[in-house]
PDB file of N, CA and C in Angstrom:
ATOM      1  N   MET A   1       0.822  -1.171  -0.005  1.00  0.00           N
ATOM      2  CA  MET A   1       0.014   0.023  -0.004  1.00  0.00           C
ATOM      3  C   MET A   1       0.883   1.301   0.040  1.00  0.00           C
ATOM      4  N   ALA A   2       1.991   1.227   0.684  1.00  0.00           N
ATOM      5  CA  ALA A   2       2.786   2.416   0.785  1.00  0.00           C
ATOM      6  C   ALA A   2       3.388   2.855  -0.610  1.00  0.00           C
ATOM      7  N   ASP A   3       3.720   1.862  -1.432  1.00  0.00           N
ATOM      8  CA  ASP A   3       4.153   2.205  -2.765  1.00  0.00           C
ATOM      9  C   ASP A   3       2.972   2.830  -3.669  1.00  0.00           C
ATOM     10  N   TYR A   4       1.846   2.278  -3.468  1.00  0.00           N
ATOM     11  CA  TYR A   4       0.713   2.836  -4.233  1.00  0.00           C
ATOM     12  C   TYR A   4       0.420   4.137  -3.830  1.00  0.00           C
ATOM     13  N   LYS A   5       0.351   4.460  -2.517  1.00  0.00           N
ATOM     14  CA  LYS A   5       0.111   5.733  -2.012  1.00  0.00           C
ATOM     15  C   LYS A   5       1.078   6.770  -2.506  1.00  0.00           C
ATOM     16  N   LYS A   6       2.298   6.385  -2.453  1.00  0.00           N
ATOM     17  CA  LYS A   6       3.349   7.309  -3.023  1.00  0.00           C
ATOM     18  C   LYS A   6       3.142   7.605  -4.462  1.00  0.00           C
ATOM     19  N   SER A   7       2.763   6.671  -5.234  1.00  0.00           N
ATOM     20  CA  SER A   7       2.498   6.965  -6.648  1.00  0.00           C
ATOM     21  C   SER A   7       1.254   7.711  -6.808  1.00  0.00           C
ATOM     22  N   TYR A   8       0.234   7.434  -5.964  1.00  0.00           N
ATOM     23  CA  TYR A   8      -1.072   8.136  -6.094  1.00  0.00           C
ATOM     24  C   TYR A   8      -0.796   9.665  -5.742  1.00  0.00           C
ATOM     25  N   ASP A   9      -0.129   9.918  -4.672  1.00  0.00           N
ATOM     26  CA  ASP A   9       0.284  11.334  -4.317  1.00  0.00           C
ATOM     27  C   ASP A   9       0.855  12.128  -5.355  1.00  0.00           C
ATOM     28  N   THR A  10       1.716  11.324  -6.266  1.00  0.00           N
ATOM     29  CA  THR A  10       2.412  12.057  -7.259  1.00  0.00           C
ATOM     30  C   THR A  10       1.389  12.475  -8.363  1.00  0.00           C
ATOM     31  N   TYR A  11       0.516  11.606  -8.698  1.00  0.00           N
ATOM     32  CA  TYR A  11      -0.414  11.769  -9.745  1.00  0.00           C
ATOM     33  C   TYR A  11      -1.915  12.152  -9.477  1.00  0.00           C
ATOM     34  N   LYS A  12      -2.247  12.348  -8.189  1.00  0.00           N
ATOM     35  CA  LYS A  12      -3.697  12.478  -7.776  1.00  0.00           C
ATOM     36  C   LYS A  12      -4.451  13.532  -8.408  1.00  0.00           C
ATOM     37  N   ASP A  13      -3.828  14.611  -8.833  1.00  0.00           N
ATOM     38  CA  ASP A  13      -4.568  15.720  -9.598  1.00  0.00           C
ATOM     39  C   ASP A  13      -4.852  15.279 -11.006  1.00  0.00           C
ATOM     40  N   LYS A  14      -4.218  14.240 -11.494  1.00  0.00           N
ATOM     41  CA  LYS A  14      -4.445  13.866 -12.926  1.00  0.00           C
ATOM     42  C   LYS A  14      -4.966  12.463 -12.993  1.00  0.00           C
ATOM     43  N   ILE A  15      -5.258  11.808 -11.894  1.00  0.00           N
ATOM     44  CA  ILE A  15      -5.550  10.348 -11.919  1.00  0.00           C
ATOM     45  C   ILE A  15      -6.839  10.077 -12.822  1.00  0.00           C
ATOM     46  N   GLU A  16      -7.830  10.807 -12.748  1.00  0.00           N
ATOM     47  CA  GLU A  16      -9.073  10.465 -13.566  1.00  0.00           C
ATOM     48  C   GLU A  16      -8.746  10.616 -14.978  1.00  0.00           C
ATOM     49  N   ASP A  17      -7.966  11.575 -15.361  1.00  0.00           N
ATOM     50  CA  ASP A  17      -7.520  11.775 -16.781  1.00  0.00           C
ATOM     51  C   ASP A  17      -6.641  10.671 -17.277  1.00  0.00           C
ATOM     52  N   LEU A  18      -5.596  10.344 -16.409  1.00  0.00           N
ATOM     53  CA  LEU A  18      -4.709   9.421 -16.776  1.00  0.00           C
ATOM     54  C   LEU A  18      -5.424   7.903 -16.948  1.00  0.00           C
ATOM     55  N   LEU A  19      -6.262   7.675 -16.174  1.00  0.00           N
ATOM     56  CA  LEU A  19      -6.948   6.290 -16.038  1.00  0.00           C
ATOM     57  C   LEU A  19      -8.046   6.213 -17.123  1.00  0.00           C
ATOM     58  N   TYR A  20      -8.831   7.220 -17.269  1.00  0.00           N
ATOM     59  CA  TYR A  20     -10.040   7.104 -18.084  1.00  0.00           C
ATOM     60  C   TYR A  20     -10.158   8.030 -19.286  1.00  0.00           C
ATOM     61  N   SER A  21      -9.315   8.961 -19.628  1.00  0.00           N
ATOM     62  CA  SER A  21      -9.453   9.782 -20.702  1.00  0.00           C
ATOM     63  C   SER A  21      -9.606   9.246 -22.099  1.00  0.00           C
ATOM     64  N   LYS A  22      -8.880   8.120 -22.242  1.00  0.00           N
ATOM     65  CA  LYS A  22      -8.736   7.373 -23.451  1.00  0.00           C
ATOM     66  C   LYS A  22      -9.523   6.009 -23.515  1.00  0.00           C
ATOM     67  N   THR A  23     -10.391   5.948 -22.596  1.00  0.00           N
ATOM     68  CA  THR A  23     -11.179   4.718 -22.525  1.00  0.00           C
ATOM     69  C   THR A  23     -12.683   4.981 -22.118  1.00  0.00           C
ATOM     70  N   ASP A  24     -13.526   4.124 -22.578  1.00  0.00           N
ATOM     71  CA  ASP A  24     -14.998   4.187 -22.130  1.00  0.00           C
ATOM     72  C   ASP A  24     -15.368   3.155 -21.059  1.00  0.00           C
ATOM     73  N   GLU A  25     -14.305   2.794 -20.386  1.00  0.00           N
ATOM     74  CA  GLU A  25     -14.535   1.792 -19.400  1.00  0.00           C
ATOM     75  C   GLU A  25     -15.575   2.017 -18.382  1.00  0.00           C
ATOM     76  N   LYS A  26     -15.701   3.208 -17.824  1.00  0.00           N
ATOM     77  CA  LYS A  26     -16.727   3.605 -16.832  1.00  0.00           C
ATOM     78  C   LYS A  26     -18.112   3.440 -17.500  1.00  0.00           C
ATOM     79  N   LYS A  27     -18.231   3.950 -18.653  1.00  0.00           N
ATOM     80  CA  LYS A  27     -19.497   3.848 -19.336  1.00  0.00           C
ATOM     81  C   LYS A  27     -19.930   2.475 -19.696  1.00  0.00           C
ATOM     82  N   ILE A  28     -18.996   1.700 -20.065  1.00  0.00           N
ATOM     83  CA  ILE A  28     -19.240   0.221 -20.353  1.00  0.00           C
ATOM     84  C   ILE A  28     -19.771  -0.503 -19.090  1.00  0.00           C
ATOM     85  N   VAL A  29     -18.843  -0.325 -17.992  1.00  0.00           N
ATOM     86  CA  VAL A  29     -19.218  -1.116 -16.812  1.00  0.00           C
ATOM     87  C   VAL A  29     -20.587  -0.618 -16.179  1.00  0.00           C
ATOM     88  N   THR A  30     -20.763   0.738 -16.358  1.00  0.00           N
ATOM     89  CA  THR A  30     -22.103   1.317 -15.842  1.00  0.00           C
ATOM     90  C   THR A  30     -23.271   0.665 -16.693  1.00  0.00           C
ATOM     91  N   ASN A  31     -23.106   0.638 -17.981  1.00  0.00           N
ATOM     92  CA  ASN A  31     -24.194   0.041 -18.878  1.00  0.00           C
ATOM     93  C   ASN A  31     -24.430  -1.415 -18.496  1.00  0.00           C
ATOM     94  N   ILE A  32     -23.410  -2.198 -18.389  1.00  0.00           N
ATOM     95  CA  ILE A  32     -23.506  -3.595 -18.098  1.00  0.00           C
ATOM     96  C   ILE A  32     -24.279  -3.706 -16.631  1.00  0.00           C
ATOM     97  N   LEU A  33     -23.909  -2.969 -15.726  1.00  0.00           N
ATOM     98  CA  LEU A  33     -24.540  -3.109 -14.396  1.00  0.00           C
ATOM     99  C   LEU A  33     -26.071  -2.636 -14.384  1.00  0.00           C
ATOM    100  N   VAL A  34     -26.261  -1.618 -15.102  1.00  0.00           N
ATOM    101  CA  VAL A  34     -27.701  -1.079 -15.161  1.00  0.00           C
ATOM    102  C   VAL A  34     -28.477  -2.082 -15.915  1.00  0.00           C
ATOM    103  N   ASN A  35     -27.994  -2.714 -16.940  1.00  0.00           N
ATOM    104  CA  ASN A  35     -28.743  -3.678 -17.782  1.00  0.00           C
ATOM    105  C   ASN A  35     -29.068  -4.948 -16.965  1.00  0.00           C
ATOM    106  N   ARG A  36     -28.035  -5.259 -16.224  1.00  0.00           N
ATOM    107  CA  ARG A  36     -28.099  -6.538 -15.380  1.00  0.00           C
ATOM    108  C   ARG A  36     -28.876  -6.342 -14.063  1.00  0.00           C
ATOM    109  N   TYR A  37     -28.763  -5.188 -13.373  1.00  0.00           N
ATOM    110  CA  TYR A  37     -29.257  -5.075 -12.043  1.00  0.00           C
ATOM    111  C   TYR A  37     -30.171  -3.817 -11.840  1.00  0.00           C
ATOM    112  N   GLY A  38     -30.501  -3.118 -12.954  1.00  0.00           N
ATOM    113  CA  GLY A  38     -31.064  -1.990 -12.844  1.00  0.00           C
ATOM    114  C   GLY A  38     -32.534  -2.017 -12.346  1.00  0.00           C
ATOM    115  N   LYS A  39     -33.162  -3.074 -12.421  1.00  0.00           N
ATOM    116  CA  LYS A  39     -34.610  -3.249 -11.989  1.00  0.00           C
ATOM    117  C   LYS A  39     -34.644  -3.844 -10.541  1.00  0.00           C
ATOM    118  N   ASN A  40     -33.525  -4.290 -10.070  1.00  0.00           N
ATOM    119  CA  ASN A  40     -33.445  -4.892  -8.665  1.00  0.00           C
ATOM    120  C   ASN A  40     -33.515  -3.875  -7.643  1.00  0.00           C
ATOM    121  N   ARG A  41     -33.921  -4.418  -6.425  1.00  0.00           N
ATOM    122  CA  ARG A  41     -33.830  -3.564  -5.210  1.00  0.00           C
ATOM    123  C   ARG A  41     -33.008  -4.396  -4.201  1.00  0.00           C
ATOM    124  N   PHE A  42     -32.158  -3.664  -3.475  1.00  0.00           N
ATOM    125  CA  PHE A  42     -31.320  -4.282  -2.465  1.00  0.00           C
ATOM    126  C   PHE A  42     -31.543  -3.795  -1.133  1.00  0.00           C
ATOM    127  N   GLU A  43     -31.491  -4.704  -0.165  1.00  0.00           N
ATOM    128  CA  GLU A  43     -31.635  -4.319   1.237  1.00  0.00           C
ATOM    129  C   GLU A  43     -30.355  -3.657   1.688  1.00  0.00           C
ATOM    130  N   ASN A  44     -29.124  -4.207   1.365  1.00  0.00           N
ATOM    131  CA  ASN A  44     -27.909  -3.688   1.930  1.00  0.00           C
ATOM    132  C   ASN A  44     -26.735  -3.799   0.916  1.00  0.00           C
ATOM    133  N   PHE A  45     -26.281  -2.718   0.353  1.00  0.00           N
ATOM    134  CA  PHE A  45     -25.371  -2.672  -0.748  1.00  0.00           C
ATOM    135  C   PHE A  45     -24.041  -2.233  -0.195  1.00  0.00           C
ATOM    136  N   LEU A  46     -22.951  -2.932  -0.595  1.00  0.00           N
ATOM    137  CA  LEU A  46     -21.530  -2.586  -0.313  1.00  0.00           C
ATOM    138  C   LEU A  46     -20.783  -2.344  -1.528  1.00  0.00           C
ATOM    139  N   ASP A  47     -20.136  -1.164  -1.550  1.00  0.00           N
ATOM    140  CA  ASP A  47     -19.262  -0.789  -2.706  1.00  0.00           C
ATOM    141  C   ASP A  47     -17.770  -0.656  -2.158  1.00  0.00           C
ATOM    142  N   VAL A  48     -17.034  -1.539  -2.491  1.00  0.00           N
ATOM    143  CA  VAL A  48     -15.517  -1.560  -2.026  1.00  0.00           C
ATOM    144  C   VAL A  48     -14.721  -0.916  -3.071  1.00  0.00           C
ATOM    145  N   GLY A  49     -14.052   0.198  -2.768  1.00  0.00           N
ATOM    146  CA  GLY A  49     -13.344   0.886  -3.719  1.00  0.00           C
ATOM    147  C   GLY A  49     -14.126   1.926  -4.405  1.00  0.00           C
ATOM    148  N   ALA A  50     -15.000   2.660  -3.705  1.00  0.00           N
ATOM    149  CA  ALA A  50     -16.082   3.524  -4.063  1.00  0.00           C
ATOM    150  C   ALA A  50     -15.429   4.771  -4.985  1.00  0.00           C
ATOM    151  N   GLY A  51     -14.264   5.118  -4.805  1.00  0.00           N
ATOM    152  CA  GLY A  51     -13.696   6.126  -5.554  1.00  0.00           C
ATOM    153  C   GLY A  51     -14.491   7.372  -5.727  1.00  0.00           C
ATOM    154  N   THR A  52     -14.889   7.728  -6.954  1.00  0.00           N
ATOM    155  CA  THR A  52     -15.682   8.929  -7.263  1.00  0.00           C
ATOM    156  C   THR A  52     -17.195   8.676  -7.166  1.00  0.00           C
ATOM    157  N   GLY A  53     -17.566   7.397  -6.934  1.00  0.00           N
ATOM    158  CA  GLY A  53     -18.951   7.169  -6.740  1.00  0.00           C
ATOM    159  C   GLY A  53     -19.739   6.575  -7.973  1.00  0.00           C
ATOM    160  N   THR A  54     -18.912   6.384  -9.043  1.00  0.00           N
ATOM    161  CA  THR A  54     -19.552   6.019 -10.289  1.00  0.00           C
ATOM    162  C   THR A  54     -20.413   4.834 -10.200  1.00  0.00           C
ATOM    163  N   ILE A  55     -20.040   3.796  -9.525  1.00  0.00           N
ATOM    164  CA  ILE A  55     -20.859   2.576  -9.347  1.00  0.00           C
ATOM    165  C   ILE A  55     -21.854   2.754  -8.337  1.00  0.00           C
ATOM    166  N   ALA A  56     -21.503   3.410  -7.253  1.00  0.00           N
ATOM    167  CA  ALA A  56     -22.451   3.680  -6.283  1.00  0.00           C
ATOM    168  C   ALA A  56     -23.758   4.396  -6.683  1.00  0.00           C
ATOM    169  N   LYS A  57     -23.600   5.260  -7.655  1.00  0.00           N
ATOM    170  CA  LYS A  57     -24.794   5.947  -8.215  1.00  0.00           C
ATOM    171  C   LYS A  57     -25.789   5.108  -8.761  1.00  0.00           C
ATOM    172  N   ILE A  58     -25.367   3.880  -9.343  1.00  0.00           N
ATOM    173  CA  ILE A  58     -26.331   2.963  -9.943  1.00  0.00           C
ATOM    174  C   ILE A  58     -27.202   2.360  -8.832  1.00  0.00           C
ATOM    175  N   PHE A  59     -26.542   2.045  -7.687  1.00  0.00           N
ATOM    176  CA  PHE A  59     -27.189   1.212  -6.674  1.00  0.00           C
ATOM    177  C   PHE A  59     -27.748   1.987  -5.391  1.00  0.00           C
ATOM    178  N   TYR A  60     -27.335   3.200  -5.350  1.00  0.00           N
ATOM    179  CA  TYR A  60     -27.601   4.025  -4.006  1.00  0.00           C
ATOM    180  C   TYR A  60     -29.091   4.113  -3.909  1.00  0.00           C
ATOM    181  N   ASP A  61     -29.895   4.563  -4.923  1.00  0.00           N
ATOM    182  CA  ASP A  61     -31.346   4.724  -4.836  1.00  0.00           C
ATOM    183  C   ASP A  61     -32.055   3.506  -4.950  1.00  0.00           C
ATOM    184  N   LYS A  62     -31.339   2.394  -5.267  1.00  0.00           N
ATOM    185  CA  LYS A  62     -32.074   1.045  -5.276  1.00  0.00           C
ATOM    186  C   LYS A  62     -31.859   0.238  -4.051  1.00  0.00           C
ATOM    187  N   SER A  63     -31.295   0.850  -3.081  1.00  0.00           N
ATOM    188  CA  SER A  63     -30.843   0.101  -1.831  1.00  0.00           C
ATOM    189  C   SER A  63     -31.423   0.763  -0.564  1.00  0.00           C
ATOM    190  N   ASP A  64     -31.882  -0.058   0.292  1.00  0.00           N
ATOM    191  CA  ASP A  64     -32.314   0.409   1.550  1.00  0.00           C
ATOM    192  C   ASP A  64     -31.224   1.045   2.356  1.00  0.00           C
ATOM    193  N   LYS A  65     -30.046   0.403   2.264  1.00  0.00           N
ATOM    194  CA  LYS A  65     -28.896   0.789   2.948  1.00  0.00           C
ATOM    195  C   LYS A  65     -27.667   0.719   2.098  1.00  0.00           C
ATOM    196  N   ALA A  66     -26.755   1.730   2.096  1.00  0.00           N
ATOM    197  CA  ALA A  66     -25.555   1.606   1.251  1.00  0.00           C
ATOM    198  C   ALA A  66     -24.314   1.845   2.107  1.00  0.00           C
ATOM    199  N   THR A  67     -23.281   1.126   1.955  1.00  0.00           N
ATOM    200  CA  THR A  67     -22.065   1.365   2.676  1.00  0.00           C
ATOM    201  C   THR A  67     -20.989   1.452   1.634  1.00  0.00           C
ATOM    202  N   LEU A  68     -20.194   2.511   1.648  1.00  0.00           N
ATOM    203  CA  LEU A  68     -19.087   2.735   0.700  1.00  0.00           C
ATOM    204  C   LEU A  68     -17.803   2.746   1.420  1.00  0.00           C
ATOM    205  N   VAL A  69     -16.947   1.913   0.812  1.00  0.00           N
ATOM    206  CA  VAL A  69     -15.544   1.815   1.405  1.00  0.00           C
ATOM    207  C   VAL A  69     -14.560   2.426   0.392  1.00  0.00           C
ATOM    208  N   GLU A  70     -13.810   3.310   0.764  1.00  0.00           N
ATOM    209  CA  GLU A  70     -12.718   3.951   0.013  1.00  0.00           C
ATOM    210  C   GLU A  70     -11.528   4.130   0.800  1.00  0.00           C
ATOM    211  N   ILE A  71     -10.389   3.733   0.331  1.00  0.00           N
ATOM    212  CA  ILE A  71      -9.181   3.953   1.100  1.00  0.00           C
ATOM    213  C   ILE A  71      -8.451   5.345   0.980  1.00  0.00           C
ATOM    214  N   LEU A  72      -8.807   6.040  -0.114  1.00  0.00           N
ATOM    215  CA  LEU A  72      -8.193   7.323  -0.388  1.00  0.00           C
ATOM    216  C   LEU A  72      -9.079   8.515   0.245  1.00  0.00           C
ATOM    217  N   PRO A  73      -8.476   9.262   1.261  1.00  0.00           N
ATOM    218  CA  PRO A  73      -9.352  10.277   1.811  1.00  0.00           C
ATOM    219  C   PRO A  73      -9.646  11.406   0.925  1.00  0.00           C
ATOM    220  N   GLU A  74      -9.066  11.466  -0.262  1.00  0.00           N
ATOM    221  CA  GLU A  74      -9.274  12.582  -1.099  1.00  0.00           C
ATOM    222  C   GLU A  74     -10.748  12.494  -1.749  1.00  0.00           C
ATOM    223  N   TYR A  75     -11.257  11.278  -1.686  1.00  0.00           N
ATOM    224  CA  TYR A  75     -12.735  11.197  -2.238  1.00  0.00           C
ATOM    225  C   TYR A  75     -13.801  11.400  -1.221  1.00  0.00           C
ATOM    226  N   LYS A  76     -13.390  11.494   0.116  1.00  0.00           N
ATOM    227  CA  LYS A  76     -14.434  11.506   1.258  1.00  0.00           C
ATOM    228  C   LYS A  76     -15.477  12.694   1.023  1.00  0.00           C
ATOM    229  N   LYS A  77     -14.998  13.891   0.853  1.00  0.00           N
ATOM    230  CA  LYS A  77     -15.986  14.923   0.741  1.00  0.00           C
ATOM    231  C   LYS A  77     -16.979  14.780  -0.486  1.00  0.00           C
ATOM    232  N   SER A  78     -16.556  14.316  -1.520  1.00  0.00           N
ATOM    233  CA  SER A  78     -17.490  14.079  -2.795  1.00  0.00           C
ATOM    234  C   SER A  78     -18.378  12.890  -2.414  1.00  0.00           C
ATOM    235  N   LEU A  79     -17.917  11.870  -1.811  1.00  0.00           N
ATOM    236  CA  LEU A  79     -18.806  10.733  -1.473  1.00  0.00           C
ATOM    237  C   LEU A  79     -19.846  11.157  -0.482  1.00  0.00           C
ATOM    238  N   TYR A  80     -19.557  12.027   0.573  1.00  0.00           N
ATOM    239  CA  TYR A  80     -20.521  12.461   1.510  1.00  0.00           C
ATOM    240  C   TYR A  80     -21.453  13.411   0.789  1.00  0.00           C
ATOM    241  N   GLU A  81     -21.087  14.208  -0.088  1.00  0.00           N
ATOM    242  CA  GLU A  81     -22.008  15.111  -0.784  1.00  0.00           C
ATOM    243  C   GLU A  81     -22.954  14.261  -1.754  1.00  0.00           C
ATOM    244  N   GLN A  82     -22.482  13.314  -2.420  1.00  0.00           N
ATOM    245  CA  GLN A  82     -23.361  12.604  -3.262  1.00  0.00           C
ATOM    246  C   GLN A  82     -24.272  11.559  -2.680  1.00  0.00           C
ATOM    247  N   PHE A  83     -23.811  11.009  -1.534  1.00  0.00           N
ATOM    248  CA  PHE A  83     -24.621   9.949  -0.907  1.00  0.00           C
ATOM    249  C   PHE A  83     -24.693  10.253   0.643  1.00  0.00           C
ATOM    250  N   PRO A  84     -25.556  11.256   0.918  1.00  0.00           N
ATOM    251  CA  PRO A  84     -25.647  11.696   2.394  1.00  0.00           C
ATOM    252  C   PRO A  84     -26.282  10.666   3.313  1.00  0.00           C
ATOM    253  N   GLU A  85     -26.969   9.688   2.878  1.00  0.00           N
ATOM    254  CA  GLU A  85     -27.603   8.711   3.772  1.00  0.00           C
ATOM    255  C   GLU A  85     -26.749   7.479   3.858  1.00  0.00           C
ATOM    256  N   ALA A  86     -25.701   7.336   3.059  1.00  0.00           N
ATOM    257  CA  ALA A  86     -24.790   6.143   3.063  1.00  0.00           C
ATOM    258  C   ALA A  86     -23.811   6.166   4.241  1.00  0.00           C
ATOM    259  N   THR A  87     -23.424   4.905   4.561  1.00  0.00           N
ATOM    260  CA  THR A  87     -22.263   4.869   5.565  1.00  0.00           C
ATOM    261  C   THR A  87     -21.073   4.839   4.719  1.00  0.00           C
ATOM    262  N   ILE A  88     -20.166   5.892   4.994  1.00  0.00           N
ATOM    263  CA  ILE A  88     -18.972   5.882   4.174  1.00  0.00           C
ATOM    264  C   ILE A  88     -17.765   5.712   5.125  1.00  0.00           C
ATOM    265  N   ILE A  89     -17.045   4.742   4.730  1.00  0.00           N
ATOM    266  CA  ILE A  89     -15.819   4.408   5.485  1.00  0.00           C
ATOM    267  C   ILE A  89     -14.516   4.724   4.672  1.00  0.00           C
ATOM    268  N   ILE A  90     -13.796   5.508   5.234  1.00  0.00           N
ATOM    269  CA  ILE A  90     -12.453   5.871   4.533  1.00  0.00           C
ATOM    270  C   ILE A  90     -11.400   5.030   5.355  1.00  0.00           C
ATOM    271  N   ASP A  91     -11.037   3.820   4.723  1.00  0.00           N
ATOM    272  CA  ASP A  91     -10.175   3.009   5.450  1.00  0.00           C
ATOM    273  C   ASP A  91      -9.915   1.771   4.409  1.00  0.00           C
ATOM    274  N   SER A  92      -8.985   0.960   4.781  1.00  0.00           N
ATOM    275  CA  SER A  92      -8.770  -0.233   4.018  1.00  0.00           C
ATOM    276  C   SER A  92      -9.813  -1.299   4.346  1.00  0.00           C
ATOM    277  N   ILE A  93     -10.263  -2.048   3.398  1.00  0.00           N
ATOM    278  CA  ILE A  93     -11.231  -3.086   3.645  1.00  0.00           C
ATOM    279  C   ILE A  93     -10.650  -4.095   4.597  1.00  0.00           C
ATOM    280  N   PHE A  94      -9.306  -4.292   4.753  1.00  0.00           N
ATOM    281  CA  PHE A  94      -8.661  -5.194   5.552  1.00  0.00           C
ATOM    282  C   PHE A  94      -8.799  -4.735   6.998  1.00  0.00           C
ATOM    283  N   ASN A  95      -9.158  -3.595   7.292  1.00  0.00           N
ATOM    284  CA  ASN A  95      -9.255  -3.008   8.675  1.00  0.00           C
ATOM    285  C   ASN A  95     -10.660  -3.061   9.168  1.00  0.00           C
ATOM    286  N   ILE A  96     -11.629  -3.433   8.335  1.00  0.00           N
ATOM    287  CA  ILE A  96     -12.996  -3.450   8.726  1.00  0.00           C
ATOM    288  C   ILE A  96     -13.588  -4.753   9.019  1.00  0.00           C
ATOM    289  N   ASP A  97     -14.242  -4.929  10.110  1.00  0.00           N
ATOM    290  CA  ASP A  97     -14.969  -6.150  10.611  1.00  0.00           C
ATOM    291  C   ASP A  97     -16.324  -5.960  10.536  1.00  0.00           C
ATOM    292  N   PHE A  98     -17.028  -6.379   9.373  1.00  0.00           N
ATOM    293  CA  PHE A  98     -18.397  -6.144   9.179  1.00  0.00           C
ATOM    294  C   PHE A  98     -19.264  -7.086  10.024  1.00  0.00           C
ATOM    295  N   LYS A  99     -20.104  -6.673  10.668  1.00  0.00           N
ATOM    296  CA  LYS A  99     -21.112  -7.513  11.417  1.00  0.00           C
ATOM    297  C   LYS A  99     -22.345  -7.776  10.642  1.00  0.00           C
ATOM    298  N   GLU A 100     -22.664  -6.993   9.602  1.00  0.00           N
ATOM    299  CA  GLU A 100     -23.794  -7.187   8.923  1.00  0.00           C
ATOM    300  C   GLU A 100     -23.667  -7.983   7.649  1.00  0.00           C
ATOM    301  N   LYS A 101     -24.687  -8.314   6.935  1.00  0.00           N
ATOM    302  CA  LYS A 101     -24.699  -9.009   5.727  1.00  0.00           C
ATOM    303  C   LYS A 101     -25.068  -8.124   4.571  1.00  0.00           C
ATOM    304  N   PHE A 102     -24.604  -8.332   3.417  1.00  0.00           N
ATOM    305  CA  PHE A 102     -24.892  -7.571   2.175  1.00  0.00           C
ATOM    306  C   PHE A 102     -25.448  -8.398   1.179  1.00  0.00           C
ATOM    307  N   ASP A 103     -26.511  -7.970   0.449  1.00  0.00           N
ATOM    308  CA  ASP A 103     -27.096  -8.682  -0.684  1.00  0.00           C
ATOM    309  C   ASP A 103     -26.551  -8.231  -1.962  1.00  0.00           C
ATOM    310  N   MET A 104     -25.749  -7.220  -2.014  1.00  0.00           N
ATOM    311  CA  MET A 104     -25.020  -6.804  -3.165  1.00  0.00           C
ATOM    312  C   MET A 104     -23.713  -6.268  -2.731  1.00  0.00           C
ATOM    313  N   VAL A 105     -22.631  -6.860  -3.303  1.00  0.00           N
ATOM    314  CA  VAL A 105     -21.294  -6.412  -2.882  1.00  0.00           C
ATOM    315  C   VAL A 105     -20.491  -6.233  -4.342  1.00  0.00           C
ATOM    316  N   LEU A 106     -19.873  -5.053  -4.453  1.00  0.00           N
ATOM    317  CA  LEU A 106     -19.152  -4.814  -5.675  1.00  0.00           C
ATOM    318  C   LEU A 106     -17.692  -4.376  -5.283  1.00  0.00           C
ATOM    319  N   LEU A 107     -16.736  -4.879  -6.044  1.00  0.00           N
ATOM    320  CA  LEU A 107     -15.421  -4.445  -5.901  1.00  0.00           C
ATOM    321  C   LEU A 107     -14.960  -4.016  -7.316  1.00  0.00           C
ATOM    322  N   ASN A 108     -14.739  -2.670  -7.358  1.00  0.00           N
ATOM    323  CA  ASN A 108     -14.357  -2.071  -8.643  1.00  0.00           C
ATOM    324  C   ASN A 108     -13.011  -1.444  -8.537  1.00  0.00           C
ATOM    325  N   GLN A 109     -12.086  -1.628  -9.425  1.00  0.00           N
ATOM    326  CA  GLN A 109     -10.830  -1.072  -9.315  1.00  0.00           C
ATOM    327  C   GLN A 109     -10.094  -1.305  -8.033  1.00  0.00           C
ATOM    328  N   CYS A 110     -10.166  -2.384  -7.431  1.00  0.00           N
ATOM    329  CA  CYS A 110      -9.492  -2.445  -6.136  1.00  0.00           C
ATOM    330  C   CYS A 110      -8.827  -3.822  -6.022  1.00  0.00           C
ATOM    331  N   LEU A 111      -9.032  -4.715  -6.885  1.00  0.00           N
ATOM    332  CA  LEU A 111      -8.441  -6.053  -6.757  1.00  0.00           C
ATOM    333  C   LEU A 111      -6.912  -6.101  -6.627  1.00  0.00           C
ATOM    334  N   TYR A 112      -6.305  -4.967  -7.293  1.00  0.00           N
ATOM    335  CA  TYR A 112      -4.862  -5.075  -7.237  1.00  0.00           C
ATOM    336  C   TYR A 112      -4.217  -4.698  -5.824  1.00  0.00           C
ATOM    337  N   TYR A 113      -5.122  -4.420  -4.834  1.00  0.00           N
ATOM    338  CA  TYR A 113      -4.719  -4.211  -3.491  1.00  0.00           C
ATOM    339  C   TYR A 113      -4.644  -5.663  -2.756  1.00  0.00           C
ATOM    340  N   PHE A 114      -5.191  -6.643  -3.297  1.00  0.00           N
ATOM    341  CA  PHE A 114      -5.068  -7.966  -2.643  1.00  0.00           C
ATOM    342  C   PHE A 114      -3.847  -8.617  -2.957  1.00  0.00           C
ATOM    343  N   LYS A 115      -3.177  -9.250  -2.006  1.00  0.00           N
ATOM    344  CA  LYS A 115      -1.961  -9.868  -2.196  1.00  0.00           C
ATOM    345  C   LYS A 115      -2.234 -11.189  -2.886  1.00  0.00           C
ATOM    346  N   LYS A 116      -1.293 -11.697  -3.611  1.00  0.00           N
ATOM    347  CA  LYS A 116      -1.472 -13.001  -4.230  1.00  0.00           C
ATOM    348  C   LYS A 116      -1.261 -14.115  -3.177  1.00  0.00           C
ATOM    349  N   ALA A 117      -2.170 -15.055  -3.266  1.00  0.00           N
ATOM    350  CA  ALA A 117      -2.261 -16.219  -2.419  1.00  0.00           C
ATOM    351  C   ALA A 117      -0.992 -17.100  -2.556  1.00  0.00           C
TER     352      ALA A 117
END
């Protein structure tokens, strides 16, 4: 994590442009999720790696409860503004001991944090 954080700090003002300016990845993923789950309702939604909230926007109004986990504090203000009723946790998923169950869990752009087994 320390290496990633150092790299992130170097490029954080340009991260969205660097990652997504030449791709329609967010649009494609959003369309797939809306087409597959857009009519569903969820009791408890978990978004791990919430980032800018792109994926959470799809499920927030379709869930009775939403929990967003994001490791980078730079996204905190934006997430609170967009999702005022959500539980927002700024921490590593590895530091969280959930006691509740979720009927929808999404991990987007975060699998590279997991160590190889």
